[in-house]
N, C-alpha and C. Protein backbone atom coordinates (compact mmCIF):
# COMPACT_ATOMS: atom_id res chain seq x y z
N MET A 1 39.79 -81.81 8.38
CA MET A 1 38.61 -81.11 7.94
C MET A 1 37.21 -81.84 8.15
N ILE A 2 36.10 -81.08 8.64
CA ILE A 2 34.99 -81.30 9.15
C ILE A 2 34.37 -81.11 8.38
N ILE A 3 33.27 -81.33 7.97
CA ILE A 3 32.16 -80.89 7.30
C ILE A 3 31.09 -80.54 7.97
N PHE A 4 30.25 -78.86 8.18
CA PHE A 4 29.32 -78.84 8.90
C PHE A 4 27.90 -78.30 7.86
N GLU A 5 26.46 -79.25 8.34
CA GLU A 5 25.51 -78.90 7.03
C GLU A 5 25.22 -77.40 8.12
N LEU A 6 24.77 -75.98 7.36
CA LEU A 6 24.59 -75.42 7.89
C LEU A 6 23.69 -74.51 7.55
N GLY A 7 22.02 -73.73 8.47
CA GLY A 7 21.44 -72.61 8.00
C GLY A 7 21.12 -71.40 8.82
N CYS A 8 20.40 -70.82 7.84
CA CYS A 8 20.48 -69.16 8.71
C CYS A 8 19.64 -68.87 9.32
N GLY A 9 19.32 -67.72 9.87
CA GLY A 9 17.87 -67.39 9.99
C GLY A 9 17.18 -67.47 9.32
N LYS A 10 16.79 -67.01 8.49
CA LYS A 10 16.07 -67.40 7.12
C LYS A 10 16.20 -68.16 6.44
N GLY A 11 16.24 -70.12 7.28
CA GLY A 11 15.74 -70.87 6.18
C GLY A 11 16.74 -71.95 5.48
N HIS A 12 17.83 -70.87 4.95
CA HIS A 12 18.92 -71.15 3.81
C HIS A 12 19.69 -72.25 4.02
N ARG A 13 20.14 -74.04 4.04
CA ARG A 13 21.19 -74.58 4.45
C ARG A 13 22.00 -74.63 3.04
N PHE A 14 23.47 -74.81 3.90
CA PHE A 14 24.39 -74.82 3.45
C PHE A 14 25.53 -75.97 4.05
N GLU A 15 26.66 -75.60 3.49
CA GLU A 15 28.12 -76.37 3.97
C GLU A 15 28.58 -75.79 3.99
N GLY A 16 29.50 -75.90 5.63
CA GLY A 16 30.67 -75.18 5.89
C GLY A 16 32.02 -76.36 6.10
N TRP A 17 33.27 -76.16 5.90
CA TRP A 17 33.64 -76.73 6.51
C TRP A 17 35.20 -75.94 6.74
N PHE A 18 35.27 -77.07 8.55
CA PHE A 18 36.20 -75.86 9.29
C PHE A 18 36.66 -77.33 9.87
N ALA A 19 38.09 -77.17 10.45
CA ALA A 19 39.33 -77.10 10.98
C ALA A 19 38.90 -78.50 12.26
N SER A 20 37.64 -77.46 13.14
CA SER A 20 37.15 -78.93 14.23
C SER A 20 35.74 -77.64 14.16
N LYS A 21 35.60 -78.12 15.20
CA LYS A 21 33.53 -77.32 15.73
C LYS A 21 34.37 -76.53 16.46
N ASP A 22 35.18 -76.66 17.30
CA ASP A 22 35.94 -74.90 17.59
C ASP A 22 36.30 -73.46 16.83
N ASP A 23 36.50 -74.42 15.96
CA ASP A 23 37.12 -73.21 14.23
C ASP A 23 35.80 -72.41 14.19
N PHE A 24 35.01 -73.08 14.52
CA PHE A 24 33.64 -73.21 13.46
C PHE A 24 32.93 -72.03 14.66
N ILE A 25 33.00 -72.62 16.32
CA ILE A 25 32.56 -71.86 16.59
C ILE A 25 32.90 -70.19 17.05
N ARG A 26 34.35 -70.22 16.87
CA ARG A 26 34.96 -69.23 16.66
C ARG A 26 34.80 -68.60 15.55
N GLN A 27 34.62 -68.68 14.64
CA GLN A 27 34.93 -68.25 13.12
C GLN A 27 33.22 -67.53 13.36
N SER A 28 32.55 -68.40 13.82
CA SER A 28 31.07 -67.78 14.35
C SER A 28 30.36 -66.72 15.05
N ASP A 29 31.15 -66.75 16.00
CA ASP A 29 31.22 -65.81 16.84
C ASP A 29 32.10 -64.36 16.56
N ALA A 30 32.97 -63.81 15.87
CA ALA A 30 33.26 -63.10 15.00
C ALA A 30 32.73 -62.93 13.80
N GLN A 31 31.67 -63.82 13.57
CA GLN A 31 30.56 -63.59 12.11
C GLN A 31 31.09 -63.59 11.10
N MET A 32 32.25 -63.94 10.96
CA MET A 32 33.03 -64.56 9.76
C MET A 32 31.36 -65.46 9.13
N VAL A 33 31.08 -66.34 9.91
CA VAL A 33 30.18 -67.22 8.64
C VAL A 33 29.18 -66.75 8.28
N ARG A 34 28.45 -66.05 7.05
CA ARG A 34 27.86 -65.70 6.46
C ARG A 34 26.84 -66.53 5.73
N CYS A 35 25.51 -66.42 5.73
CA CYS A 35 24.83 -67.61 3.99
C CYS A 35 25.48 -66.73 3.30
N PRO A 36 25.85 -67.94 2.19
CA PRO A 36 25.99 -66.96 0.88
C PRO A 36 24.72 -67.43 -0.21
N VAL A 37 23.35 -67.03 0.24
CA VAL A 37 22.29 -66.38 -0.02
C VAL A 37 22.01 -64.95 0.46
N CYS A 38 22.05 -64.83 1.61
CA CYS A 38 20.88 -63.71 1.72
C CYS A 38 21.82 -62.71 2.79
N ASP A 39 23.63 -63.47 2.98
CA ASP A 39 24.15 -63.04 3.87
C ASP A 39 24.33 -62.42 5.33
N ASP A 40 23.17 -63.21 5.98
CA ASP A 40 22.59 -63.88 7.43
C ASP A 40 24.04 -63.81 7.97
N ALA A 41 24.03 -63.30 9.07
CA ALA A 41 25.34 -63.95 10.03
C ALA A 41 25.38 -64.59 11.03
N LYS A 42 23.64 -65.49 11.12
CA LYS A 42 23.03 -66.18 12.53
C LYS A 42 23.17 -67.07 11.69
N VAL A 43 24.01 -67.92 11.53
CA VAL A 43 24.30 -69.61 10.99
C VAL A 43 24.30 -70.15 12.39
N ALA A 44 23.67 -71.40 12.21
CA ALA A 44 23.88 -72.65 13.66
C ALA A 44 24.12 -73.91 12.23
N ILE A 45 24.73 -75.13 13.40
CA ILE A 45 25.00 -76.43 12.84
C ILE A 45 23.33 -76.91 12.46
N VAL A 46 23.24 -77.89 11.40
CA VAL A 46 21.66 -78.02 12.02
C VAL A 46 22.15 -79.69 11.17
N PRO A 47 20.95 -80.44 11.48
CA PRO A 47 20.82 -81.76 11.67
C PRO A 47 20.92 -82.19 10.26
N SER A 48 22.32 -83.66 9.72
CA SER A 48 22.10 -83.49 8.96
C SER A 48 21.91 -85.37 8.55
N ALA A 49 22.55 -85.24 6.81
CA ALA A 49 21.98 -86.83 6.82
C ALA A 49 23.25 -87.78 6.50
N ARG A 50 24.04 -86.96 5.83
CA ARG A 50 25.74 -87.62 5.73
C ARG A 50 26.21 -88.18 7.25
N VAL A 51 26.61 -89.58 7.07
CA VAL A 51 27.48 -90.34 7.75
C VAL A 51 28.42 -90.66 6.83
N GLN A 52 29.40 -90.40 7.37
CA GLN A 52 30.82 -91.28 7.37
C GLN A 52 31.85 -91.90 7.89
N VAL A 53 31.87 -92.78 7.99
CA VAL A 53 32.34 -93.93 8.57
C VAL A 53 33.51 -93.91 8.31
N GLY A 54 34.70 -93.86 8.62
CA GLY A 54 36.35 -94.21 8.41
C GLY A 54 37.03 -93.05 7.96
N LYS A 55 37.93 -93.39 6.59
CA LYS A 55 38.86 -92.30 6.13
C LYS A 55 37.92 -91.48 5.53
N PRO A 56 37.74 -90.41 5.91
CA PRO A 56 37.05 -89.84 4.35
C PRO A 56 38.10 -89.97 2.66
N ALA A 57 37.25 -89.81 1.94
CA ALA A 57 38.06 -89.98 0.81
C ALA A 57 38.57 -88.30 0.19
N ALA A 58 39.18 -88.67 -0.54
CA ALA A 58 40.43 -86.99 -0.44
C ALA A 58 39.66 -86.49 -1.67
N PRO A 59 39.59 -85.34 -2.11
CA PRO A 59 38.81 -84.56 -2.48
C PRO A 59 39.20 -84.50 -3.87
N PRO A 60 38.23 -84.21 -4.99
CA PRO A 60 38.88 -84.59 -6.38
C PRO A 60 39.48 -83.43 -7.07
N VAL A 61 40.64 -83.92 -7.32
CA VAL A 61 41.64 -82.85 -8.11
C VAL A 61 40.97 -82.29 -9.30
N PRO A 62 40.84 -80.55 -9.21
CA PRO A 62 39.90 -80.20 -10.69
C PRO A 62 40.84 -81.02 -11.74
N ALA A 63 40.04 -80.68 -12.91
CA ALA A 63 40.80 -80.92 -14.50
C ALA A 63 41.54 -80.36 -14.71
N THR A 64 41.55 -78.83 -14.61
CA THR A 64 42.16 -78.00 -15.14
C THR A 64 42.19 -77.03 -14.50
N PRO A 65 43.80 -76.00 -14.06
CA PRO A 65 43.82 -75.70 -13.38
C PRO A 65 42.94 -74.08 -13.29
N PRO A 66 42.77 -73.27 -12.65
CA PRO A 66 41.73 -71.97 -12.55
C PRO A 66 42.34 -71.01 -13.74
N ALA A 67 42.13 -70.16 -14.20
CA ALA A 67 42.83 -69.17 -15.29
C ALA A 67 43.43 -68.34 -14.85
N ALA A 68 44.40 -67.60 -15.20
CA ALA A 68 45.27 -66.84 -14.64
C ALA A 68 43.68 -66.09 -13.82
N GLY A 69 44.38 -65.20 -13.15
CA GLY A 69 43.31 -63.85 -12.13
C GLY A 69 42.67 -64.57 -12.13
N ALA A 70 42.30 -65.37 -11.85
CA ALA A 70 40.64 -66.06 -11.31
C ALA A 70 40.66 -66.51 -9.87
N GLU A 71 39.57 -66.61 -9.31
CA GLU A 71 39.08 -66.53 -8.37
C GLU A 71 39.62 -68.01 -7.84
N SER A 72 40.21 -68.10 -6.34
CA SER A 72 39.77 -69.59 -6.31
C SER A 72 38.56 -70.01 -5.86
N ALA A 73 38.30 -71.58 -6.12
CA ALA A 73 36.94 -72.12 -6.02
C ALA A 73 36.45 -72.04 -4.83
N GLY A 74 37.38 -71.75 -3.74
CA GLY A 74 36.73 -71.39 -1.94
C GLY A 74 36.02 -69.67 -2.17
N GLY A 75 37.03 -68.78 -2.90
CA GLY A 75 36.00 -67.58 -2.87
C GLY A 75 35.11 -67.38 -4.13
N ASP A 76 34.71 -68.29 -4.65
CA ASP A 76 33.37 -68.08 -5.83
C ASP A 76 32.10 -69.73 -5.95
N ALA A 77 32.94 -70.59 -5.71
CA ALA A 77 31.97 -71.93 -5.83
C ALA A 77 31.17 -71.51 -4.01
N VAL A 78 29.98 -70.61 -4.91
CA VAL A 78 28.81 -71.04 -3.85
C VAL A 78 27.45 -71.75 -3.88
N MET A 79 27.23 -72.17 -3.29
CA MET A 79 25.44 -73.37 -2.89
C MET A 79 25.88 -74.08 -4.39
N GLY A 80 27.02 -75.10 -4.71
CA GLY A 80 27.35 -76.05 -5.26
C GLY A 80 26.83 -75.58 -6.48
N LEU A 81 27.57 -74.11 -7.50
CA LEU A 81 27.82 -73.20 -8.27
C LEU A 81 29.31 -73.30 -8.62
N PRO A 82 28.93 -73.81 -9.98
CA PRO A 82 30.42 -73.84 -10.24
C PRO A 82 31.07 -72.79 -10.44
N PRO A 83 32.29 -72.52 -10.00
CA PRO A 83 33.30 -70.85 -10.03
C PRO A 83 33.20 -69.44 -10.98
N GLU A 84 32.91 -70.59 -12.45
CA GLU A 84 32.87 -69.89 -13.54
C GLU A 84 31.53 -69.40 -13.76
N LEU A 85 30.28 -70.28 -13.45
CA LEU A 85 29.20 -69.26 -13.83
C LEU A 85 28.84 -68.13 -12.67
N VAL A 86 29.36 -68.09 -10.99
CA VAL A 86 29.40 -67.01 -11.03
C VAL A 86 29.97 -66.06 -10.89
N ARG A 87 31.04 -66.45 -11.63
CA ARG A 87 32.02 -65.23 -11.76
C ARG A 87 31.56 -64.36 -12.88
N LYS A 88 30.71 -65.24 -14.35
CA LYS A 88 29.58 -65.14 -14.95
C LYS A 88 28.51 -64.16 -14.99
N LEU A 89 27.87 -64.78 -13.68
CA LEU A 89 26.30 -63.64 -13.57
C LEU A 89 26.72 -62.39 -12.36
N ARG A 90 27.77 -63.01 -11.70
CA ARG A 90 28.73 -60.90 -11.39
C ARG A 90 29.35 -60.54 -12.67
N GLU A 91 29.47 -60.62 -13.87
CA GLU A 91 29.81 -60.21 -15.51
C GLU A 91 28.80 -59.44 -15.49
N VAL A 92 27.71 -59.92 -15.89
CA VAL A 92 26.17 -59.67 -16.42
C VAL A 92 25.85 -58.70 -15.27
N ILE A 93 26.09 -58.99 -14.22
CA ILE A 93 24.67 -58.15 -13.25
C ILE A 93 25.91 -56.40 -12.84
N LYS A 94 26.97 -56.47 -13.01
CA LYS A 94 27.84 -55.09 -13.46
C LYS A 94 27.23 -54.97 -14.60
N ALA A 95 27.26 -55.45 -15.49
CA ALA A 95 27.46 -54.57 -16.83
C ALA A 95 25.88 -53.40 -16.76
N ALA A 96 25.02 -54.33 -16.11
CA ALA A 96 23.44 -53.90 -16.17
C ALA A 96 23.36 -52.47 -15.43
N GLU A 97 23.17 -51.52 -16.06
CA GLU A 97 22.81 -49.88 -15.57
C GLU A 97 22.08 -50.18 -14.11
N ASP A 98 23.16 -49.55 -13.08
CA ASP A 98 22.51 -49.33 -11.37
C ASP A 98 21.46 -48.06 -11.73
N VAL A 99 20.57 -48.49 -11.69
CA VAL A 99 19.43 -47.03 -11.95
C VAL A 99 18.90 -46.22 -10.06
N GLY A 100 19.53 -47.18 -9.39
CA GLY A 100 19.87 -46.51 -8.00
C GLY A 100 17.47 -47.18 -7.71
N ARG A 101 17.88 -46.38 -6.96
CA ARG A 101 16.06 -46.04 -5.96
C ARG A 101 15.22 -45.63 -7.45
N ARG A 102 15.45 -45.39 -8.25
CA ARG A 102 14.60 -45.23 -9.57
C ARG A 102 14.22 -46.33 -10.04
N PHE A 103 14.41 -47.49 -10.10
CA PHE A 103 14.37 -48.60 -10.12
C PHE A 103 12.80 -49.13 -10.99
N PRO A 104 12.34 -48.87 -9.66
CA PRO A 104 10.67 -48.96 -9.92
C PRO A 104 9.70 -48.05 -10.82
N ASP A 105 10.41 -47.44 -11.38
CA ASP A 105 10.32 -46.28 -12.60
C ASP A 105 10.42 -46.58 -13.51
N GLU A 106 11.91 -46.24 -13.24
CA GLU A 106 12.83 -47.21 -14.77
C GLU A 106 12.04 -48.41 -15.37
N ALA A 107 11.92 -49.21 -14.59
CA ALA A 107 11.30 -50.62 -15.35
C ALA A 107 10.58 -50.43 -15.93
N ARG A 108 9.01 -49.68 -15.18
CA ARG A 108 7.92 -49.30 -15.63
C ARG A 108 8.28 -48.78 -17.22
N LYS A 109 9.13 -47.94 -17.33
CA LYS A 109 9.15 -47.32 -18.66
C LYS A 109 10.25 -48.60 -19.95
N ILE A 110 10.47 -49.24 -19.11
CA ILE A 110 11.31 -49.90 -19.82
C ILE A 110 10.16 -51.01 -20.47
N HIS A 111 9.07 -51.34 -19.66
CA HIS A 111 7.97 -52.35 -19.90
C HIS A 111 6.88 -51.81 -20.95
N TYR A 112 6.57 -50.40 -20.52
CA TYR A 112 5.66 -49.31 -21.57
C TYR A 112 6.18 -49.20 -22.61
N ASP A 113 7.48 -49.27 -23.10
CA ASP A 113 7.93 -48.55 -24.10
C ASP A 113 8.15 -47.57 -23.88
N GLU A 114 8.85 -46.32 -22.46
CA GLU A 114 8.45 -45.42 -22.60
C GLU A 114 9.93 -44.86 -22.45
N ALA A 115 11.07 -45.98 -22.47
CA ALA A 115 11.92 -45.64 -22.41
C ALA A 115 12.86 -47.30 -23.31
N PRO A 116 14.04 -46.62 -23.19
CA PRO A 116 15.29 -47.90 -24.28
C PRO A 116 14.90 -49.59 -23.96
N ALA A 117 15.02 -50.71 -23.88
CA ALA A 117 14.77 -51.71 -23.15
C ALA A 117 16.25 -52.07 -23.06
N ARG A 118 17.05 -52.07 -22.05
CA ARG A 118 17.93 -52.21 -21.66
C ARG A 118 18.50 -53.15 -20.36
N ALA A 119 19.48 -53.77 -19.95
CA ALA A 119 18.93 -54.87 -18.62
C ALA A 119 19.58 -53.11 -17.68
N ILE A 120 18.44 -53.59 -16.57
CA ILE A 120 18.56 -52.33 -15.06
C ILE A 120 18.97 -53.58 -14.33
N ARG A 121 19.56 -52.58 -12.85
CA ARG A 121 19.54 -53.29 -11.17
C ARG A 121 18.72 -51.83 -10.66
N GLY A 122 18.85 -52.29 -9.43
CA GLY A 122 18.83 -50.85 -8.81
C GLY A 122 17.94 -51.31 -7.44
N GLN A 123 17.76 -50.42 -6.48
CA GLN A 123 16.58 -51.00 -5.23
C GLN A 123 14.66 -50.77 -5.68
N ALA A 124 14.14 -51.94 -4.35
CA ALA A 124 12.65 -51.36 -4.78
C ALA A 124 12.33 -52.19 -3.67
N THR A 125 11.64 -51.34 -2.22
CA THR A 125 10.58 -51.97 -1.52
C THR A 125 10.28 -53.37 -1.40
N PRO A 126 9.87 -54.24 -0.97
CA PRO A 126 9.15 -55.34 -0.71
C PRO A 126 7.12 -54.85 -1.79
N ASP A 127 7.27 -53.74 -0.92
CA ASP A 127 5.93 -53.70 -2.04
C ASP A 127 6.09 -53.38 -3.02
N GLU A 128 6.64 -52.71 -3.86
CA GLU A 128 7.45 -51.92 -5.32
C GLU A 128 7.56 -52.67 -5.77
N ALA A 129 8.24 -54.08 -5.59
CA ALA A 129 8.55 -55.40 -6.06
C ALA A 129 6.92 -56.04 -6.29
N ALA A 130 6.70 -56.08 -5.56
CA ALA A 130 5.35 -56.51 -5.68
C ALA A 130 3.69 -55.97 -6.63
N ALA A 131 4.18 -54.79 -6.20
CA ALA A 131 3.37 -54.13 -7.31
C ALA A 131 4.03 -54.29 -9.36
N LEU A 132 4.85 -53.78 -9.33
CA LEU A 132 6.13 -54.54 -10.62
C LEU A 132 5.39 -55.83 -11.23
N GLN A 133 5.60 -56.77 -10.43
CA GLN A 133 5.36 -58.42 -10.57
C GLN A 133 3.19 -57.81 -10.76
N ASP A 134 2.60 -57.36 -10.41
CA ASP A 134 1.16 -57.20 -10.82
C ASP A 134 1.45 -56.91 -11.82
N GLU A 135 2.06 -55.95 -12.41
CA GLU A 135 1.72 -55.50 -13.28
C GLU A 135 2.56 -56.25 -14.60
N GLY A 136 3.03 -57.90 -14.35
CA GLY A 136 3.41 -58.30 -15.25
C GLY A 136 4.56 -58.21 -15.73
N ILE A 137 5.43 -56.79 -14.90
CA ILE A 137 6.79 -56.62 -15.21
C ILE A 137 7.68 -57.81 -13.76
N GLU A 138 8.56 -58.72 -14.50
CA GLU A 138 9.35 -59.57 -14.08
C GLU A 138 11.03 -58.68 -13.60
N VAL A 139 10.28 -58.93 -12.02
CA VAL A 139 11.63 -58.47 -11.34
C VAL A 139 12.19 -59.54 -10.71
N ALA A 140 13.82 -59.73 -10.25
CA ALA A 140 14.33 -60.40 -9.35
C ALA A 140 14.88 -60.09 -8.21
N THR A 141 15.00 -60.92 -7.26
CA THR A 141 15.90 -60.02 -5.83
C THR A 141 17.10 -60.71 -6.24
N LEU A 142 18.24 -59.74 -5.80
CA LEU A 142 19.62 -60.48 -6.53
C LEU A 142 20.00 -61.31 -5.05
N PRO A 143 20.81 -62.30 -5.25
CA PRO A 143 21.29 -62.41 -3.60
C PRO A 143 22.26 -61.57 -3.25
N PRO A 144 22.85 -61.47 -2.25
CA PRO A 144 23.98 -60.51 -1.93
C PRO A 144 25.48 -61.56 -2.26
N PHE A 145 25.28 -62.15 -2.21
CA PHE A 145 26.51 -63.01 -2.99
C PHE A 145 27.25 -62.99 -4.22
N LEU A 146 26.08 -62.33 -5.05
CA LEU A 146 26.07 -61.97 -6.30
C LEU A 146 26.90 -60.55 -6.88
N THR A 147 26.50 -59.70 -5.57
CA THR A 147 25.97 -57.96 -5.49
C THR A 147 27.52 -57.61 -4.87
N ARG A 148 27.89 -57.79 -4.16
CA ARG A 148 28.96 -57.66 -3.20
C ARG A 148 30.41 -57.53 -3.99
N ASP A 149 30.58 -56.77 -3.83
CA ASP A 149 32.45 -56.32 -3.92
C ASP A 149 33.07 -57.70 -4.05
N THR A 150 34.24 -58.13 -4.56
CA THR A 150 35.10 -59.32 -4.37
C THR A 150 36.27 -58.71 -4.86
N HIS A 151 36.44 -57.56 -4.76
CA HIS A 151 37.93 -56.95 -5.05
C HIS A 151 38.22 -56.14 -3.86
């Protein structure tokens, strides 16, 4: 296996493991290599400070096997986050009420006590999100690796 330091068109850096450089090129051309933060398919190998001389060390063996029905670490581990944390974040996001395009209005209603406090998620334009933040309403953009359906 070869570990490449990768970067997307938006500047996010991450690593990818490939059988060879040709394997990376094949997968990249098929848009199979995507940024785990923004889901951008424009990914390239970037310079890395890692230097390995000699035979690589064997990867560490997990102390405990994954729970029954749990996704493999390769499917859930993102940007060095433990798979359990990624799964829990996805559960929290899935449990939030999806209010869709009504997100800015619902967030304001909750903030100004015009609606019951609850966890919500939905869509807002960058201008709408900035206006909410100007009003003191905290919002966050969820990265695609947490919101895409994994089943």
